[in-house]
Every structure is written in C-alpha cells, then in structure tokens.
N, C-alpha and C. Protein backbone atom coordinates (compact mmCIF):
# COMPACT_ATOMS: atom_id res chain seq x y z
N UNK A 1 126.65 109.62 130.95
CA UNK A 1 126.50 111.06 131.01
C UNK A 1 126.15 111.52 132.43
N UNK A 2 125.24 110.80 133.08
CA UNK A 2 124.83 111.16 134.44
C UNK A 2 126.00 111.02 135.41
N UNK A 3 126.84 110.01 135.18
CA UNK A 3 128.02 109.80 136.04
C UNK A 3 128.99 110.97 135.91
N UNK A 4 129.18 111.45 134.68
CA UNK A 4 130.06 112.58 134.42
C UNK A 4 129.55 113.83 135.11
N UNK A 5 128.25 114.06 135.07
CA UNK A 5 127.63 115.21 135.73
C UNK A 5 127.81 115.12 137.24
N UNK A 6 127.69 113.92 137.77
CA UNK A 6 127.86 113.71 139.21
C UNK A 6 129.30 114.02 139.64
N UNK A 7 130.25 113.58 138.83
CA UNK A 7 131.67 113.84 139.11
C UNK A 7 131.92 115.35 139.07
N UNK A 8 131.38 116.02 138.07
CA UNK A 8 131.56 117.48 137.95
C UNK A 8 130.95 118.21 139.14
N UNK A 9 129.77 117.77 139.57
CA UNK A 9 129.12 118.39 140.74
C UNK A 9 129.98 118.20 141.99
N UNK A 10 130.52 117.01 142.15
CA UNK A 10 131.36 116.72 143.31
C UNK A 10 132.61 117.58 143.28
N UNK A 11 133.26 117.67 142.12
CA UNK A 11 134.48 118.47 142.01
C UNK A 11 134.18 119.95 142.23
N UNK A 12 133.04 120.42 141.75
CA UNK A 12 132.66 121.83 141.97
C UNK A 12 132.41 122.08 143.46
N UNK A 13 131.74 121.13 144.12
CA UNK A 13 131.49 121.26 145.56
C UNK A 13 132.80 121.28 146.34
N UNK A 14 133.73 120.41 145.97
CA UNK A 14 135.03 120.37 146.64
C UNK A 14 135.76 121.70 146.44
N UNK A 15 135.72 122.23 145.22
CA UNK A 15 136.40 123.50 144.95
C UNK A 15 135.80 124.64 145.76
N UNK A 16 134.49 124.72 145.81
CA UNK A 16 133.83 125.79 146.57
C UNK A 16 134.19 125.70 148.05
N UNK A 17 134.22 124.49 148.57
CA UNK A 17 134.57 124.29 149.98
C UNK A 17 136.05 124.58 150.22
N UNK A 18 136.89 124.18 149.28
CA UNK A 18 138.33 124.48 149.38
C UNK A 18 138.53 125.99 149.51
N UNK A 19 137.87 126.75 148.64
CA UNK A 19 137.98 128.22 148.67
C UNK A 19 137.48 128.76 150.00
N UNK A 20 136.33 128.28 150.44
CA UNK A 20 135.73 128.75 151.69
C UNK A 20 136.64 128.48 152.89
N UNK A 21 137.10 127.25 153.02
CA UNK A 21 137.90 126.88 154.19
C UNK A 21 139.28 127.52 154.14
N UNK A 22 139.89 127.53 152.95
CA UNK A 22 141.22 128.15 152.83
C UNK A 22 141.15 129.64 153.13
N UNK A 23 140.04 130.28 152.77
CA UNK A 23 139.87 131.71 153.06
C UNK A 23 139.72 131.96 154.56
N UNK A 24 139.03 131.06 155.24
CA UNK A 24 138.78 131.25 156.68
C UNK A 24 139.92 130.74 157.55
N UNK A 25 140.36 129.52 157.30
CA UNK A 25 141.35 128.88 158.17
C UNK A 25 142.78 128.93 157.63
N UNK A 26 142.90 129.07 156.33
CA UNK A 26 144.20 128.94 155.69
C UNK A 26 144.41 127.49 155.28
N UNK A 27 145.24 127.30 154.28
CA UNK A 27 145.47 125.96 153.75
C UNK A 27 146.11 125.04 154.78
N UNK A 28 147.09 125.56 155.53
CA UNK A 28 147.81 124.72 156.49
C UNK A 28 146.91 124.12 157.56
N UNK A 29 145.89 124.85 157.98
CA UNK A 29 144.99 124.37 159.03
C UNK A 29 143.81 123.58 158.47
N UNK A 30 143.67 123.55 157.18
CA UNK A 30 142.59 122.82 156.53
C UNK A 30 142.90 121.32 156.54
N UNK A 31 141.87 120.52 156.74
CA UNK A 31 142.05 119.07 156.68
C UNK A 31 141.08 118.48 155.66
N UNK A 32 141.36 117.26 155.25
CA UNK A 32 140.44 116.56 154.36
C UNK A 32 139.10 116.39 155.05
N UNK A 33 139.13 116.15 156.35
CA UNK A 33 137.89 116.02 157.13
C UNK A 33 137.06 117.30 157.03
N UNK A 34 137.71 118.46 157.15
CA UNK A 34 136.99 119.74 157.00
C UNK A 34 136.29 119.81 155.64
N UNK A 35 137.04 119.46 154.61
CA UNK A 35 136.50 119.54 153.25
C UNK A 35 135.30 118.61 153.08
N UNK A 36 135.46 117.37 153.52
CA UNK A 36 134.38 116.39 153.32
C UNK A 36 133.13 116.74 154.13
N UNK A 37 133.32 117.24 155.33
CA UNK A 37 132.16 117.60 156.15
C UNK A 37 131.38 118.76 155.55
N UNK A 38 132.09 119.80 155.15
CA UNK A 38 131.40 120.98 154.61
C UNK A 38 130.81 120.68 153.22
N UNK A 39 131.51 119.87 152.42
CA UNK A 39 131.03 119.53 151.08
C UNK A 39 129.96 118.43 151.10
N UNK A 40 129.75 117.85 152.27
CA UNK A 40 128.77 116.76 152.42
C UNK A 40 129.08 115.58 151.49
N UNK A 41 130.36 115.20 151.50
CA UNK A 41 130.79 114.01 150.76
C UNK A 41 131.56 113.12 151.71
N UNK A 42 131.69 111.87 151.34
CA UNK A 42 132.45 110.95 152.20
C UNK A 42 133.95 111.12 151.92
N UNK A 43 134.74 110.69 152.88
CA UNK A 43 136.19 110.73 152.69
C UNK A 43 136.58 109.84 151.51
N UNK A 44 135.87 108.73 151.35
CA UNK A 44 136.12 107.84 150.22
C UNK A 44 135.93 108.54 148.89
N UNK A 45 134.87 109.35 148.81
CA UNK A 45 134.62 110.12 147.58
C UNK A 45 135.75 111.10 147.33
N UNK A 46 136.19 111.79 148.39
CA UNK A 46 137.30 112.72 148.23
C UNK A 46 138.53 111.99 147.69
N UNK A 47 138.84 110.83 148.29
CA UNK A 47 140.04 110.10 147.90
C UNK A 47 139.91 109.43 146.53
N UNK A 48 138.71 109.32 145.99
CA UNK A 48 138.56 108.88 144.60
C UNK A 48 139.08 109.95 143.64
N UNK A 49 138.99 111.20 144.07
CA UNK A 49 139.39 112.33 143.23
C UNK A 49 140.83 112.79 143.50
N UNK A 50 141.25 112.78 144.76
CA UNK A 50 142.54 113.36 145.15
C UNK A 50 143.23 112.48 146.19
N UNK A 51 144.56 112.53 146.20
CA UNK A 51 145.34 111.75 147.17
C UNK A 51 145.25 112.36 148.57
N UNK A 52 145.31 113.69 148.63
CA UNK A 52 145.28 114.43 149.89
C UNK A 52 145.06 115.90 149.56
N UNK A 53 145.15 116.75 150.56
CA UNK A 53 144.89 118.17 150.31
C UNK A 53 145.98 118.80 149.44
N UNK A 54 147.19 118.26 149.49
CA UNK A 54 148.28 118.78 148.66
C UNK A 54 148.06 118.43 147.19
N UNK A 55 147.53 117.25 146.94
CA UNK A 55 147.17 116.86 145.58
C UNK A 55 146.07 117.76 145.05
N UNK A 56 145.12 118.10 145.91
CA UNK A 56 144.04 119.02 145.55
C UNK A 56 144.62 120.39 145.19
N UNK A 57 145.53 120.88 146.01
CA UNK A 57 146.20 122.16 145.75
C UNK A 57 146.93 122.11 144.41
N UNK A 58 147.70 121.05 144.18
CA UNK A 58 148.42 120.88 142.91
C UNK A 58 147.45 120.89 141.73
N UNK A 59 146.33 120.22 141.89
CA UNK A 59 145.33 120.15 140.83
C UNK A 59 144.83 121.55 140.45
N UNK A 60 144.49 122.35 141.44
CA UNK A 60 143.99 123.70 141.17
C UNK A 60 145.07 124.58 140.56
N UNK A 61 146.28 124.48 141.08
CA UNK A 61 147.38 125.27 140.53
C UNK A 61 147.63 124.90 139.07
N UNK A 62 147.72 123.61 138.81
CA UNK A 62 148.01 123.15 137.45
C UNK A 62 146.90 123.52 136.48
N UNK A 63 145.65 123.42 136.89
CA UNK A 63 144.54 123.83 136.02
C UNK A 63 144.67 125.30 135.63
N UNK A 64 144.87 126.16 136.63
CA UNK A 64 144.99 127.60 136.35
C UNK A 64 146.19 127.89 135.46
N UNK A 65 147.32 127.32 135.80
CA UNK A 65 148.55 127.61 135.06
C UNK A 65 148.50 127.06 133.64
N UNK A 66 147.97 125.87 133.46
CA UNK A 66 147.84 125.31 132.11
C UNK A 66 146.91 126.15 131.26
N UNK A 67 145.84 126.65 131.85
CA UNK A 67 144.92 127.51 131.11
C UNK A 67 145.60 128.83 130.71
N UNK A 68 146.43 129.37 131.58
CA UNK A 68 147.15 130.61 131.25
C UNK A 68 148.14 130.36 130.11
N UNK A 69 148.86 129.25 130.17
CA UNK A 69 149.78 128.89 129.09
C UNK A 69 149.01 128.77 127.77
N UNK A 70 147.85 128.14 127.83
CA UNK A 70 147.01 127.98 126.64
C UNK A 70 146.58 129.35 126.10
N UNK A 71 146.22 130.27 126.98
CA UNK A 71 145.84 131.62 126.54
C UNK A 71 146.98 132.31 125.82
N UNK A 72 148.19 132.19 126.36
CA UNK A 72 149.34 132.83 125.72
C UNK A 72 149.67 132.17 124.38
N UNK A 73 149.30 130.90 124.22
CA UNK A 73 149.49 130.24 122.94
C UNK A 73 148.41 130.61 121.93
N UNK A 74 147.24 130.91 122.41
CA UNK A 74 146.07 131.16 121.55
C UNK A 74 145.94 132.61 121.11
N UNK A 75 146.24 133.54 122.00
CA UNK A 75 146.00 134.96 121.72
C UNK A 75 147.28 135.69 121.37
N UNK A 76 147.09 136.81 120.70
CA UNK A 76 148.19 137.66 120.25
C UNK A 76 149.01 138.17 121.43
N UNK A 77 150.30 138.16 121.21
CA UNK A 77 151.21 138.75 122.19
C UNK A 77 151.95 139.88 121.49
N UNK A 78 151.17 140.75 120.87
CA UNK A 78 151.80 141.85 120.17
C UNK A 78 152.73 142.58 121.12
N UNK A 79 153.73 143.16 120.58
CA UNK A 79 154.75 143.82 121.38
C UNK A 79 154.16 144.62 122.53
N UNK A 80 154.75 144.44 123.69
CA UNK A 80 154.32 145.22 124.86
C UNK A 80 154.44 146.71 124.56
N UNK A 81 155.46 147.06 123.81
CA UNK A 81 155.69 148.45 123.48
C UNK A 81 154.59 149.01 122.56
N UNK A 82 154.01 148.14 121.73
CA UNK A 82 152.97 148.57 120.80
C UNK A 82 151.57 148.44 121.38
N UNK A 83 151.44 147.84 122.54
CA UNK A 83 150.12 147.63 123.16
C UNK A 83 149.66 148.93 123.82
N UNK A 84 149.16 149.81 123.03
CA UNK A 84 148.77 151.13 123.53
C UNK A 84 147.46 151.07 124.29
N UNK A 85 147.37 151.86 125.37
CA UNK A 85 146.10 151.93 126.10
C UNK A 85 144.98 152.39 125.17
N UNK A 86 143.77 151.92 125.47
CA UNK A 86 142.54 152.30 124.77
C UNK A 86 142.44 151.77 123.34
N UNK A 87 143.34 150.89 122.92
CA UNK A 87 143.20 150.23 121.62
C UNK A 87 142.41 148.95 121.84
N UNK A 88 142.03 148.30 120.74
CA UNK A 88 141.33 147.02 120.85
C UNK A 88 142.27 146.01 121.50
N UNK A 89 141.86 145.49 122.62
CA UNK A 89 142.73 144.60 123.38
C UNK A 89 142.12 143.23 123.63
N UNK A 90 140.94 142.99 123.10
CA UNK A 90 140.24 141.74 123.42
C UNK A 90 140.97 140.51 122.92
N UNK A 91 141.83 140.67 121.93
CA UNK A 91 142.60 139.53 121.43
C UNK A 91 144.02 139.50 121.97
N UNK A 92 144.30 140.34 122.95
CA UNK A 92 145.63 140.37 123.56
C UNK A 92 145.73 139.31 124.65
N UNK A 93 146.83 138.58 124.66
CA UNK A 93 147.01 137.48 125.63
C UNK A 93 147.01 137.99 127.07
N UNK A 94 147.61 139.14 127.33
CA UNK A 94 147.62 139.66 128.70
C UNK A 94 146.21 140.05 129.15
N UNK A 95 145.44 140.68 128.27
CA UNK A 95 144.06 140.99 128.62
C UNK A 95 143.28 139.70 128.90
N UNK A 96 143.47 138.70 128.07
CA UNK A 96 142.78 137.42 128.26
C UNK A 96 143.20 136.77 129.57
N UNK A 97 144.47 136.91 129.95
CA UNK A 97 144.92 136.38 131.23
C UNK A 97 144.20 137.09 132.38
N UNK A 98 144.12 138.42 132.32
CA UNK A 98 143.41 139.18 133.35
C UNK A 98 141.94 138.75 133.41
N UNK A 99 141.32 138.55 132.25
CA UNK A 99 139.91 138.11 132.21
C UNK A 99 139.75 136.73 132.83
N UNK A 100 140.66 135.84 132.51
CA UNK A 100 140.60 134.48 133.05
C UNK A 100 140.76 134.50 134.58
N UNK A 101 141.75 135.25 135.05
CA UNK A 101 141.98 135.33 136.50
C UNK A 101 140.78 135.96 137.21
N UNK A 102 140.15 136.94 136.58
CA UNK A 102 138.96 137.56 137.16
C UNK A 102 137.82 136.54 137.27
N UNK A 103 137.67 135.76 136.23
CA UNK A 103 136.62 134.73 136.23
C UNK A 103 136.85 133.72 137.35
N UNK A 104 138.11 133.47 137.67
CA UNK A 104 138.48 132.51 138.72
C UNK A 104 139.11 133.23 139.92
N UNK A 105 138.61 134.43 140.20
CA UNK A 105 139.25 135.29 141.20
C UNK A 105 139.26 134.70 142.60
N UNK A 106 138.22 134.00 143.00
CA UNK A 106 138.21 133.45 144.36
C UNK A 106 139.29 132.39 144.53
N UNK A 107 139.37 131.48 143.58
CA UNK A 107 140.39 130.43 143.65
C UNK A 107 141.78 131.02 143.51
N UNK A 108 141.96 131.91 142.55
CA UNK A 108 143.27 132.52 142.34
C UNK A 108 143.72 133.29 143.57
N UNK A 109 142.82 134.03 144.17
CA UNK A 109 143.14 134.80 145.37
C UNK A 109 143.58 133.89 146.52
N UNK A 110 142.87 132.79 146.71
CA UNK A 110 143.24 131.83 147.77
C UNK A 110 144.62 131.25 147.49
N UNK A 111 144.89 130.91 146.24
CA UNK A 111 146.19 130.33 145.89
C UNK A 111 147.31 131.36 146.07
N UNK A 112 147.05 132.60 145.70
CA UNK A 112 148.08 133.64 145.85
C UNK A 112 148.41 133.91 147.31
N UNK A 113 147.45 133.76 148.20
CA UNK A 113 147.68 134.00 149.63
C UNK A 113 148.33 132.81 150.34
N UNK A 114 148.30 131.66 149.71
CA UNK A 114 148.79 130.45 150.35
C UNK A 114 150.31 130.32 150.18
N UNK A 115 151.05 130.31 151.29
CA UNK A 115 152.51 130.19 151.18
C UNK A 115 152.97 128.84 150.63
N UNK A 116 152.12 127.81 150.71
CA UNK A 116 152.49 126.51 150.16
C UNK A 116 152.26 126.42 148.66
N UNK A 117 151.59 127.39 148.10
CA UNK A 117 151.27 127.37 146.67
C UNK A 117 152.46 127.83 145.84
N UNK A 118 152.63 127.18 144.71
CA UNK A 118 153.69 127.56 143.78
C UNK A 118 153.15 128.48 142.68
N UNK A 119 151.94 128.93 142.83
CA UNK A 119 151.29 129.67 141.74
C UNK A 119 152.05 130.94 141.37
N UNK A 120 152.55 131.69 142.35
CA UNK A 120 153.29 132.92 142.03
C UNK A 120 154.56 132.61 141.26
N UNK A 121 155.28 131.61 141.72
CA UNK A 121 156.54 131.24 141.07
C UNK A 121 156.29 130.79 139.64
N UNK A 122 155.31 129.94 139.46
CA UNK A 122 155.01 129.42 138.12
C UNK A 122 154.43 130.51 137.21
N UNK A 123 153.58 131.37 137.76
CA UNK A 123 153.05 132.48 136.95
C UNK A 123 154.19 133.38 136.50
N UNK A 124 155.11 133.62 137.42
CA UNK A 124 156.26 134.45 137.10
C UNK A 124 157.05 133.84 135.95
N UNK A 125 157.25 132.53 135.98
CA UNK A 125 157.99 131.85 134.91
C UNK A 125 157.26 131.97 133.57
N UNK A 126 155.94 131.78 133.59
CA UNK A 126 155.15 131.85 132.36
C UNK A 126 155.18 133.26 131.78
N UNK A 127 154.93 134.25 132.61
CA UNK A 127 154.91 135.64 132.16
C UNK A 127 156.31 136.07 131.74
N UNK A 128 157.32 135.60 132.46
CA UNK A 128 158.71 135.91 132.14
C UNK A 128 159.05 135.44 130.73
N UNK A 129 158.61 134.25 130.37
CA UNK A 129 158.87 133.74 129.02
C UNK A 129 158.25 134.66 127.98
N UNK A 130 157.05 135.15 128.25
CA UNK A 130 156.38 136.05 127.30
C UNK A 130 157.11 137.38 127.19
N UNK A 131 157.53 137.91 128.32
CA UNK A 131 158.22 139.19 128.32
C UNK A 131 159.59 139.06 127.66
N UNK A 132 160.32 137.99 127.97
CA UNK A 132 161.63 137.77 127.34
C UNK A 132 161.49 137.68 125.83
N UNK A 133 160.47 136.97 125.40
CA UNK A 133 160.22 136.83 123.97
C UNK A 133 159.98 138.20 123.36
N UNK A 134 159.20 139.02 124.02
CA UNK A 134 158.89 140.36 123.52
C UNK A 134 160.14 141.24 123.50
N UNK A 135 160.92 141.19 124.57
CA UNK A 135 162.10 142.05 124.64
C UNK A 135 163.20 141.57 123.71
N UNK A 136 163.23 140.27 123.42
CA UNK A 136 164.21 139.73 122.49
C UNK A 136 163.88 140.15 121.07
N UNK A 137 162.59 140.18 120.76
CA UNK A 137 162.15 140.50 119.40
C UNK A 137 162.09 142.00 119.13
N UNK A 138 162.21 142.81 120.15
CA UNK A 138 162.11 144.26 119.99
C UNK A 138 163.25 144.92 120.76
N UNK A 139 163.50 146.14 120.44
CA UNK A 139 164.56 146.85 121.14
C UNK A 139 164.15 147.16 122.56
N UNK A 140 165.05 147.74 123.29
CA UNK A 140 164.81 148.07 124.70
C UNK A 140 163.53 148.88 124.87
N UNK A 141 162.83 148.60 125.96
CA UNK A 141 161.65 149.41 126.30
C UNK A 141 162.17 150.72 126.88
N UNK A 142 161.73 151.80 126.29
CA UNK A 142 162.18 153.09 126.81
C UNK A 142 161.22 154.18 126.37
N UNK A 143 161.13 155.17 127.19
CA UNK A 143 160.43 156.38 126.79
C UNK A 143 161.41 157.53 126.97
N UNK A 144 161.74 157.82 128.20
CA UNK A 144 162.73 158.87 128.44
C UNK A 144 164.08 158.27 128.78
N UNK A 145 164.07 157.14 129.45
CA UNK A 145 165.31 156.50 129.85
C UNK A 145 165.44 155.17 129.13
N UNK A 146 166.65 154.82 128.78
CA UNK A 146 166.88 153.51 128.22
C UNK A 146 167.47 152.66 129.33
N UNK A 147 166.81 151.54 129.59
CA UNK A 147 167.34 150.62 130.59
C UNK A 147 167.56 149.28 129.92
N UNK A 148 168.46 148.53 130.47
CA UNK A 148 168.79 147.24 129.85
C UNK A 148 167.60 146.29 129.95
N UNK A 149 167.58 145.35 129.02
CA UNK A 149 166.45 144.41 128.95
C UNK A 149 166.25 143.63 130.23
N UNK A 150 167.34 143.24 130.90
CA UNK A 150 167.16 142.43 132.11
C UNK A 150 166.44 143.22 133.20
N UNK A 151 166.76 144.50 133.35
CA UNK A 151 166.05 145.32 134.33
C UNK A 151 164.62 145.59 133.89
N UNK A 152 164.43 145.92 132.62
CA UNK A 152 163.08 146.17 132.10
C UNK A 152 162.21 144.94 132.29
N UNK A 153 162.77 143.78 131.99
CA UNK A 153 162.04 142.52 132.13
C UNK A 153 161.62 142.29 133.57
N UNK A 154 162.54 142.47 134.50
CA UNK A 154 162.22 142.22 135.91
C UNK A 154 161.21 143.23 136.45
N UNK A 155 161.34 144.48 136.04
CA UNK A 155 160.40 145.51 136.49
C UNK A 155 159.00 145.20 135.97
N UNK A 156 158.89 144.86 134.70
CA UNK A 156 157.59 144.53 134.12
C UNK A 156 157.00 143.31 134.80
N UNK A 157 157.83 142.30 134.97
CA UNK A 157 157.39 141.05 135.59
C UNK A 157 156.86 141.28 137.00
N UNK A 158 157.61 142.02 137.80
CA UNK A 158 157.17 142.30 139.17
C UNK A 158 155.91 143.16 139.18
N UNK A 159 155.82 144.10 138.23
CA UNK A 159 154.61 144.92 138.12
C UNK A 159 153.39 144.06 137.82
N UNK A 160 153.52 143.15 136.88
CA UNK A 160 152.39 142.29 136.52
C UNK A 160 151.96 141.47 137.73
N UNK A 161 152.91 140.83 138.40
CA UNK A 161 152.58 140.00 139.56
C UNK A 161 152.01 140.83 140.70
N UNK A 162 152.56 142.00 140.92
CA UNK A 162 152.03 142.87 141.98
C UNK A 162 150.61 143.34 141.67
N UNK A 163 150.38 143.69 140.42
CA UNK A 163 149.05 144.13 140.01
C UNK A 163 148.05 142.99 140.22
N UNK A 164 148.40 141.79 139.76
CA UNK A 164 147.49 140.64 139.90
C UNK A 164 147.19 140.37 141.36
N UNK A 165 148.24 140.31 142.18
CA UNK A 165 148.07 140.00 143.60
C UNK A 165 147.23 141.06 144.30
N UNK A 166 147.58 142.32 144.12
CA UNK A 166 146.84 143.42 144.75
C UNK A 166 145.39 143.43 144.29
N UNK A 167 145.21 143.31 143.00
CA UNK A 167 143.88 143.36 142.38
C UNK A 167 142.97 142.27 142.93
N UNK A 168 143.45 141.05 142.96
CA UNK A 168 142.59 139.93 143.36
C UNK A 168 142.41 139.82 144.87
N UNK A 169 143.21 140.55 145.64
CA UNK A 169 143.03 140.55 147.09
C UNK A 169 141.97 141.56 147.52
N UNK A 170 141.58 142.44 146.61
CA UNK A 170 140.57 143.45 146.93
C UNK A 170 139.21 142.77 147.11
N UNK A 171 138.39 143.34 147.99
CA UNK A 171 137.06 142.76 148.21
C UNK A 171 136.17 142.92 146.97
N UNK A 172 136.39 143.99 146.22
CA UNK A 172 135.63 144.20 144.98
C UNK A 172 136.61 144.58 143.87
N UNK A 173 137.27 143.57 143.28
CA UNK A 173 138.26 143.87 142.24
C UNK A 173 137.62 144.50 141.00
N UNK A 174 138.36 145.39 140.38
CA UNK A 174 137.90 146.03 139.15
C UNK A 174 137.76 144.98 138.05
N UNK A 175 137.04 145.35 137.01
CA UNK A 175 136.87 144.49 135.84
C UNK A 175 138.22 144.35 135.12
N UNK A 176 138.40 143.27 134.36
CA UNK A 176 139.68 143.02 133.69
C UNK A 176 140.13 144.14 132.75
N UNK A 177 139.20 144.80 132.05
CA UNK A 177 139.61 145.85 131.13
C UNK A 177 140.25 147.03 131.86
N UNK A 178 139.78 147.32 133.05
CA UNK A 178 140.36 148.41 133.84
C UNK A 178 141.76 148.03 134.33
N UNK A 179 141.90 146.81 134.80
CA UNK A 179 143.21 146.35 135.28
C UNK A 179 144.20 146.23 134.13
N UNK A 180 143.72 145.83 132.97
CA UNK A 180 144.59 145.76 131.80
C UNK A 180 145.11 147.16 131.45
N UNK A 181 144.24 148.16 131.53
CA UNK A 181 144.67 149.53 131.26
C UNK A 181 145.71 149.99 132.29
N UNK A 182 145.51 149.61 133.55
CA UNK A 182 146.49 149.93 134.60
C UNK A 182 147.83 149.27 134.27
N UNK A 183 147.78 148.02 133.87
CA UNK A 183 148.98 147.28 133.47
C UNK A 183 149.70 148.01 132.34
N UNK A 184 148.95 148.42 131.31
CA UNK A 184 149.58 149.13 130.19
C UNK A 184 150.15 150.47 130.64
N UNK A 185 149.43 151.19 131.47
CA UNK A 185 149.93 152.47 131.96
C UNK A 185 151.23 152.29 132.74
N UNK A 186 151.33 151.22 133.50
CA UNK A 186 152.58 150.93 134.22
C UNK A 186 153.72 150.67 133.24
N UNK A 187 153.42 149.99 132.13
CA UNK A 187 154.45 149.73 131.12
C UNK A 187 155.02 151.02 130.56
N UNK A 188 154.15 151.99 130.37
CA UNK A 188 154.58 153.22 129.73
C UNK A 188 155.26 154.19 130.69
N UNK A 189 155.52 153.75 131.90
CA UNK A 189 156.30 154.56 132.83
C UNK A 189 157.79 154.46 132.53
N UNK A 190 158.14 153.54 131.63
CA UNK A 190 159.57 153.33 131.31
C UNK A 190 159.96 154.15 130.11
C-alpha cells in the first residue's frame, strides 16, 4: 500500500511539473532533465514511469481521452435538439465532459496549446461520433433554416471544440454549468 502511495505521489509531482514547465517553456523546449529537477526526482525514477517526454504526453492525452469516452458511455446523450437550456443537465454526457475538463483544466489547457498533442484531433473524433449518432437518430437540426446533417455536424463539432479551447485558455474559466449553457445556446442558433 505504501509503495502504491509513493508511486501516486511521484506521478502527481511529475504531472504538476509537466503543467508548470509546459506552460512556461512549451512542450518542445521541455526536457526530461527539466522535469526531474523541478519535481525533485531522479532521472531513473522518471524512466521507471515513462520512456521519454513524448511517452509522458501520450499518457496524459490517453488518460483524458479515455475518461471522456467513458463519460459518453456512462451518461445520457439525449438528443442535442432536445437538450434545452436550463433543464436538468447533470446526467448529460456533454455537461459531464465540460465538468471533467474543468476539473483537469490546467492539464487540458496545456495539451490544447501544444502543437505536438493529438488531443484536439482525438477529441474531435470522439465528439464527432456522438454528434453523428445524434444526427443519424434524429432529423436535421433546424430552427429557421434546414441545413444538411454534414454541415450541421461540422458546425456543432467546431463550436464544441472552439468553446472548449477558448474556455480553458481563459485565466479564470467559467464553471461547467455556464459553459454548458453557452454550448446549448450555440446549438439553438441553427
């Protein structure tokens, strides 16, 4: 048990330092030496956990993305068209995704700013699958104008990614419920 706690402490220290250094220097200029010095761990300890800084990056991306996939599997994905603002949204998968990203906002923000990160591409794929599923199961999204599903899908997808990126880059991001309402309001512009 004590060994497991020590491993968790080390991984938490590495993550905090990763966020700090990536925020200041950027991922490309970050080195394993930087991480180990600031985290006060040996290079050997770092290499027990990760192959290199790219493996570390992959680890953080995969953790975030796998958790998002799990959220979409666990929570309701009621029709985007039926997801009205100001209704109970705590069991909605998109709200849960916003809550999760907010909880991990520092790491997510660093990953979104990193050009070497695949997080945007993979998030887009995950969200795209959810939107396609919704648009396939329901008729075209429309209020005043009817647009084809492929355009509606791309507009919604880009809106979600833009909202997430803009939101998490702010020095004081709003709470998830506010951003979820913004997301829904953007949906109803169609």
